[in-house]
Each structure stands twice: as C-alpha cells, then as structure tokens.
Amino acid sequence: MNKFARIVRKNKGAVALASLVGGVPAFAAGPDFSTLTAAVDFGTVVTAVLAIAALMIIPKVAGWGAKKVLGFIRG
C-alpha cells in the first residue's frame, strides 16, 4: 500500500473536510467572454468551416463514385 493511501485511511475526517472546502470554488461564475464573441460573425465562420469540409470530402466522394462506375462497367 502506498504512502498516500495510508494517510487517507488514517485521516478520513480531514480528507472529507478538505474535499468539501475544496469543492466550494466550483460554484463560482465563469469568465464572461460575451464582449469578445460579440465581435465575431459566426455566420461567416460556419460558412468557412463548411467550405473547407466540402473541399476535403469532394475528392473522396468523386473517387468512390469513379470506383463504383468502373465496377459497374467491368461488372
């Protein structure tokens, strides 16, 4: 058994109290990024992401289609 496990076993009350006290900051409000995100037009960002995705997938779909057509011809 390692040293940490022995300490936890001997000091269960202190570990429980530390866990409760350590959990309190989790209720704090997160940072507000609305001023930063308000300046970005997400419509253009989404359009750019979809355009890049299309550029990546079109050659794969074209290759798959060409293999299917050649398979039908050889068939």
Protein backbone atom coordinates (compact mmCIF):
# COMPACT_ATOMS: atom_id res chain seq x y z
CA MET A 1 0.00 0.00 0.00
CA ASN A 2 1.40 3.38 -0.90
CA LYS A 3 2.00 6.26 1.45
CA PHE A 4 -0.89 8.38 0.16
CA ALA A 5 -3.42 5.61 0.79
CA ARG A 6 -2.19 5.22 4.39
CA ILE A 7 -2.52 8.95 5.01
CA VAL A 8 -6.06 8.98 3.62
CA ARG A 9 -7.05 5.96 5.69
CA LYS A 10 -5.73 7.48 8.93
CA ASN A 11 -7.23 10.94 8.33
CA LYS A 12 -10.66 10.25 6.81
CA GLY A 13 -12.30 13.20 8.56
CA ALA A 14 -9.66 15.66 7.41
CA VAL A 15 -9.86 14.34 3.86
CA ALA A 16 -13.66 14.69 3.86
CA LEU A 17 -13.44 18.26 5.18
CA ALA A 18 -10.79 19.17 2.61
CA SER A 19 -12.97 17.73 -0.14
CA LEU A 20 -15.95 19.81 0.95
CA VAL A 21 -13.93 23.01 1.31
CA GLY A 22 -12.13 22.39 -1.98
CA GLY A 23 -15.43 21.97 -3.81
CA VAL A 24 -16.73 25.43 -2.92
CA PRO A 25 -14.88 27.34 -5.68
CA ALA A 26 -16.66 25.16 -8.24
CA PHE A 27 -19.77 27.30 -7.70
CA ALA A 28 -18.01 30.46 -8.85
CA ALA A 29 -19.22 32.05 -12.07
CA GLY A 30 -17.02 31.54 -15.10
CA PRO A 31 -15.44 34.36 -17.09
CA ASP A 32 -17.69 36.42 -19.36
CA PHE A 33 -16.46 36.32 -22.97
CA SER A 34 -19.53 38.00 -24.48
CA THR A 35 -17.59 41.14 -25.40
CA LEU A 36 -15.08 39.07 -27.37
CA THR A 37 -17.60 36.80 -29.08
CA ALA A 38 -19.97 39.64 -29.96
CA ALA A 39 -17.44 40.99 -32.45
CA VAL A 40 -17.31 37.71 -34.41
CA ASP A 41 -19.93 36.99 -37.04
CA PHE A 42 -20.37 33.25 -36.67
CA GLY A 43 -22.31 33.02 -39.94
CA THR A 44 -19.14 33.59 -41.94
CA VAL A 45 -17.18 31.26 -39.66
CA VAL A 46 -19.68 28.45 -40.20
CA THR A 47 -19.63 29.07 -43.95
CA ALA A 48 -15.84 28.85 -43.99
CA VAL A 49 -15.80 25.63 -41.96
CA LEU A 50 -18.39 24.02 -44.25
CA ALA A 51 -16.45 25.13 -47.34
CA ILE A 52 -13.25 23.56 -46.01
CA ALA A 53 -15.14 20.37 -45.14
CA ALA A 54 -16.56 20.25 -48.66
CA LEU A 55 -13.09 20.71 -50.15
CA MET A 56 -11.88 17.76 -48.10
CA ILE A 57 -14.78 15.40 -48.84
CA ILE A 58 -15.44 16.09 -52.55
CA PRO A 59 -12.31 14.28 -53.85
CA LYS A 60 -13.13 11.26 -51.68
CA VAL A 61 -16.71 11.11 -52.93
CA ALA A 62 -15.56 11.54 -56.54
CA GLY A 63 -13.05 8.70 -56.15
CA TRP A 64 -15.70 6.46 -54.57
CA GLY A 65 -18.11 7.26 -57.41
CA ALA A 66 -15.47 6.56 -60.06
CA LYS A 67 -14.73 3.17 -58.49
CA LYS A 68 -18.45 2.34 -58.48
CA VAL A 69 -18.88 3.32 -62.13
CA LEU A 70 -15.82 1.31 -63.15
CA GLY A 71 -17.15 -1.61 -61.14
CA PHE A 72 -20.48 -1.43 -62.98
CA ILE A 73 -18.71 -1.30 -66.35
CA ARG A 74 -16.41 -4.22 -65.56
CA GLY A 75 -19.20 -5.99 -63.86
